[in-house]
Amino acid sequence: MPEANLEGMIRKVADIIIGELKLEEVTAETFNPDMDLVDELGIDSMDLATIALVLQDEFKVAIDEDDYPKLKTVRLICRYIEDKLAAKH
């Protein structure tokens, strides 16, 4: 996937996380895509499950519950979604 598309996806995923967690003082542009969502942001498994459901709807991919532990950063989430989208083609 071209870098521009990846950056767009990172912003979109960051927007979803910011919206779902009702984060203030952060925007998709200032969100660090390599920040550990659990250790640094403090999201729990319920938050992650909610975010995964929104991502599934947004990107039309299935996110296996067993894969949730792999989805530690926005960048990793984007790579995961890219792989799922590529597998559909």
Protein backbone atom coordinates (compact mmCIF):
# COMPACT_ATOMS: atom_id res chain seq x y z
CA MET A 1 0.00 0.00 0.00
CA PRO A 2 1.44 3.41 -0.89
CA GLU A 3 2.65 5.51 2.03
CA ALA A 4 0.00 8.20 1.42
CA ASN A 5 -2.77 5.61 1.81
CA LEU A 6 -1.14 4.28 4.97
CA GLU A 7 -1.01 7.79 6.44
CA GLY A 8 -4.68 8.27 5.59
CA MET A 9 -5.58 4.98 7.23
CA ILE A 10 -3.52 5.87 10.31
CA ARG A 11 -5.46 9.14 10.63
CA LYS A 12 -8.78 7.36 10.17
CA VAL A 13 -7.96 4.67 12.78
CA ALA A 14 -6.66 7.35 15.17
CA ASP A 15 -9.91 9.29 14.67
CA ILE A 16 -11.93 6.19 15.52
CA ILE A 17 -9.90 5.52 18.66
CA ILE A 18 -10.09 9.17 19.74
CA GLY A 19 -13.86 9.17 19.17
CA GLU A 20 -14.55 5.86 20.88
CA LEU A 21 -12.40 6.67 23.91
CA LYS A 22 -13.57 10.29 24.00
CA LEU A 23 -9.98 11.47 24.16
CA GLU A 24 -9.45 15.17 24.57
CA GLU A 25 -6.36 17.23 23.82
CA VAL A 26 -5.36 14.92 21.00
CA THR A 27 -6.17 14.89 17.30
CA ALA A 28 -5.56 12.33 14.58
CA GLU A 29 -2.67 14.52 13.39
CA THR A 30 -1.00 14.61 16.81
CA PHE A 31 -1.78 10.99 17.74
CA ASN A 32 1.43 8.94 17.85
CA PRO A 33 0.73 5.88 15.63
CA ASP A 34 3.41 3.92 17.50
CA MET A 35 2.06 4.59 20.99
CA ASP A 36 1.17 1.41 22.86
CA LEU A 37 -2.59 1.63 23.27
CA VAL A 38 -2.69 -0.58 26.36
CA ASP A 39 0.47 0.44 28.22
CA GLU A 40 0.60 4.13 27.29
CA LEU A 41 -3.06 4.97 26.65
CA GLY A 42 -4.51 2.56 29.20
CA ILE A 43 -7.25 1.03 27.05
CA ASP A 44 -8.70 -2.22 28.35
CA SER A 45 -10.03 -5.30 26.57
CA MET A 46 -13.58 -3.88 26.44
CA ASP A 47 -12.32 -0.70 24.78
CA LEU A 48 -10.30 -2.75 22.32
CA ALA A 49 -13.31 -4.94 21.51
CA THR A 50 -15.44 -1.84 20.86
CA ILE A 51 -12.74 -0.29 18.67
CA ALA A 52 -12.36 -3.58 16.77
CA LEU A 53 -16.10 -3.65 16.02
CA VAL A 54 -16.03 -0.09 14.69
CA LEU A 55 -12.95 -0.88 12.58
CA GLN A 56 -14.66 -3.97 11.15
CA ASP A 57 -17.62 -1.85 10.08
CA GLU A 58 -15.44 0.96 8.75
CA PHE A 59 -13.02 -1.17 6.71
CA LYS A 60 -15.30 -4.18 6.00
CA VAL A 61 -12.83 -6.71 7.42
CA ALA A 62 -13.16 -9.39 10.06
CA ILE A 63 -10.92 -8.94 13.09
CA ASP A 64 -10.42 -12.21 14.93
CA GLU A 65 -10.73 -11.88 18.70
CA ASP A 66 -7.58 -13.98 19.04
CA ASP A 67 -5.71 -11.23 17.17
CA TYR A 68 -6.66 -8.44 19.60
CA PRO A 69 -3.38 -8.76 21.56
CA LYS A 70 -1.47 -8.03 18.31
CA LEU A 71 -3.30 -4.72 17.86
CA LYS A 72 -1.07 -2.75 20.20
CA THR A 73 -0.54 0.43 18.15
CA VAL A 74 -2.39 2.34 15.46
CA ARG A 75 0.36 1.43 12.98
CA LEU A 76 0.01 -2.30 13.80
CA ILE A 77 -3.77 -2.04 13.48
CA CYS A 78 -3.36 -0.46 10.04
CA ARG A 79 -0.96 -3.17 8.90
CA TYR A 80 -3.38 -5.81 10.16
CA ILE A 81 -6.26 -4.20 8.23
CA GLU A 82 -4.06 -3.88 5.12
CA ASP A 83 -3.24 -7.60 5.30
CA LYS A 84 -6.93 -8.46 5.69
CA LEU A 85 -7.89 -6.24 2.75
CA ALA A 86 -5.11 -7.71 0.59
CA ALA A 87 -6.29 -11.23 1.42
CA LYS A 88 -9.77 -10.37 0.13
CA HIS A 89 -8.44 -9.57 -3.37
